[in-house]
């Protein structure tokens, strides 16, 4: 099939209790930055790092947040270059490291990080690289 249509990216949308608090964690601990926040007061932002984005969307009131990690899964997976260096960077910045880098049976080397709303982010490198 020919043509110009293509999918060029993907961003997980994470529902958060406090978008400013969530962004501060993603910025300070994981190196993601949002040049702009929407709302007055802010309730949405798109934080990015190395061309990868995470949308942080604040829930209203007492709405509950139920991360996939509650069921033993990740909430987002990022393919990375040099997973061990990234793990060292996040550790030095005080990120909530859930698991150290390990080699998985599906040819990935991965580690997991938690965030302030209970989400689990997995960062992995193809072991064949």
Protein backbone atom coordinates (compact mmCIF):
# COMPACT_ATOMS: atom_id res chain seq x y z
CA UNK A 1 0.00 0.00 0.00
CA UNK A 2 1.46 3.36 -0.95
CA UNK A 3 0.65 6.85 0.23
CA UNK A 4 1.69 9.47 2.71
CA UNK A 5 -0.24 8.31 5.75
CA UNK A 6 1.91 7.11 8.62
CA UNK A 7 1.84 6.83 12.38
CA UNK A 8 4.79 8.77 13.75
CA UNK A 9 4.58 8.47 17.51
CA UNK A 10 2.74 7.33 20.58
CA UNK A 11 2.28 8.88 24.00
CA UNK A 12 0.82 7.20 27.05
CA UNK A 13 -1.78 9.30 28.85
CA UNK A 14 -1.35 8.97 32.60
CA UNK A 15 -4.12 10.26 34.85
CA UNK A 16 -2.54 12.03 37.83
CA UNK A 17 -3.76 13.58 41.10
CA UNK A 18 -1.64 16.75 40.74
CA UNK A 19 -0.14 17.60 37.35
CA UNK A 20 2.46 19.98 38.78
CA UNK A 21 3.67 17.41 41.33
CA UNK A 22 3.71 14.68 38.67
CA UNK A 23 5.59 16.88 36.22
CA UNK A 24 8.14 17.84 38.87
CA UNK A 25 8.90 14.13 39.41
CA UNK A 26 9.16 13.38 35.69
CA UNK A 27 11.37 16.43 35.24
CA UNK A 28 13.62 16.18 38.31
CA UNK A 29 14.01 12.40 38.47
CA UNK A 30 13.54 11.22 34.86
CA UNK A 31 14.61 14.18 32.72
CA UNK A 32 11.25 14.73 30.97
CA UNK A 33 10.31 18.39 30.42
CA UNK A 34 7.02 20.09 29.57
CA UNK A 35 7.60 23.50 28.03
CA UNK A 36 3.94 24.31 28.55
CA UNK A 37 1.06 23.38 30.83
CA UNK A 38 -2.59 23.89 29.98
CA UNK A 39 -5.39 25.07 32.27
CA UNK A 40 -5.69 27.71 34.95
CA UNK A 41 -4.61 26.31 37.30
CA UNK A 42 -2.65 23.79 35.19
CA UNK A 43 -4.24 20.37 34.76
CA UNK A 44 -2.51 18.93 31.67
CA UNK A 45 0.97 18.79 30.18
CA UNK A 46 3.01 16.85 27.66
CA UNK A 47 6.41 16.02 29.11
CA UNK A 48 9.07 14.86 26.66
CA UNK A 49 12.59 13.55 26.59
CA UNK A 50 14.62 12.43 23.57
CA UNK A 51 11.53 12.69 21.36
CA UNK A 52 9.39 10.47 23.62
CA UNK A 53 6.32 11.96 25.30
CA UNK A 54 4.15 11.26 28.31
CA UNK A 55 0.86 13.09 28.69
CA UNK A 56 0.00 13.91 32.30
CA UNK A 57 -3.72 14.60 32.75
CA UNK A 58 -5.01 15.64 36.16
CA UNK A 59 -8.17 13.93 37.42
CA UNK A 60 -10.83 15.95 39.18
CA UNK A 61 -11.80 15.59 42.81
CA UNK A 62 -11.67 12.16 44.38
CA UNK A 63 -11.53 10.23 41.10
CA UNK A 64 -9.45 7.12 41.70
CA UNK A 65 -6.39 6.27 39.65
CA UNK A 66 -5.83 2.60 38.87
CA UNK A 67 -2.44 2.01 37.27
CA UNK A 68 -1.84 -1.19 35.31
CA UNK A 69 0.90 -1.92 37.83
CA UNK A 70 -1.87 -2.64 40.33
CA UNK A 71 -2.45 -5.78 38.26
CA UNK A 72 1.25 -6.66 37.92
CA UNK A 73 1.94 -4.95 34.60
CA UNK A 74 3.68 -1.79 33.41
CA UNK A 75 1.89 1.40 32.57
CA UNK A 76 4.37 2.44 29.90
CA UNK A 77 7.41 0.85 28.25
CA UNK A 78 10.22 2.87 26.69
CA UNK A 79 12.80 1.36 24.36
CA UNK A 80 16.14 2.96 25.19
CA UNK A 81 19.78 3.07 24.21
CA UNK A 82 22.20 2.09 27.03
CA UNK A 83 19.74 0.92 29.66
CA UNK A 84 22.47 0.64 32.31
CA UNK A 85 23.55 4.27 31.86
CA UNK A 86 19.92 5.41 32.08
CA UNK A 87 19.43 3.35 35.24
CA UNK A 88 22.54 4.98 36.76
CA UNK A 89 21.23 8.45 35.82
CA UNK A 90 17.81 7.82 37.38
CA UNK A 91 19.38 6.30 40.51
CA UNK A 92 21.66 9.32 40.95
CA UNK A 93 18.63 11.64 40.66
CA UNK A 94 16.72 9.72 43.34
CA UNK A 95 14.06 8.11 41.15
CA UNK A 96 11.94 5.36 42.72
CA UNK A 97 13.74 2.35 41.24
CA UNK A 98 11.44 -0.67 41.50
CA UNK A 99 13.81 -3.16 39.88
CA UNK A 100 17.43 -3.16 38.79
CA UNK A 101 18.33 -3.92 35.14
CA UNK A 102 17.80 -7.59 34.33
CA UNK A 103 18.00 -9.67 31.17
CA UNK A 104 14.58 -10.98 30.19
CA UNK A 105 13.72 -14.14 28.25
CA UNK A 106 12.33 -12.02 25.38
CA UNK A 107 15.77 -10.54 24.59
CA UNK A 108 15.37 -7.28 26.49
CA UNK A 109 17.40 -5.82 29.36
CA UNK A 110 14.98 -3.81 31.51
CA UNK A 111 14.48 -1.97 34.75
CA UNK A 112 11.39 -0.41 36.29
CA UNK A 113 10.70 2.92 37.94
CA UNK A 114 7.68 4.04 39.97
CA UNK A 115 6.18 7.52 39.91
CA UNK A 116 4.26 9.64 42.42
CA UNK A 117 0.85 8.32 41.31
CA UNK A 118 1.74 4.63 41.49
CA UNK A 119 2.51 4.07 37.81
CA UNK A 120 5.26 1.68 36.78
CA UNK A 121 7.46 2.70 33.87
CA UNK A 122 9.67 0.10 32.23
CA UNK A 123 12.83 1.11 30.37
CA UNK A 124 14.32 -1.58 28.16
CA UNK A 125 17.04 -2.18 25.62
CA UNK A 126 16.99 -4.91 23.01
CA UNK A 127 19.66 -7.38 24.16
CA UNK A 128 20.66 -7.93 20.54
CA UNK A 129 21.87 -4.32 20.17
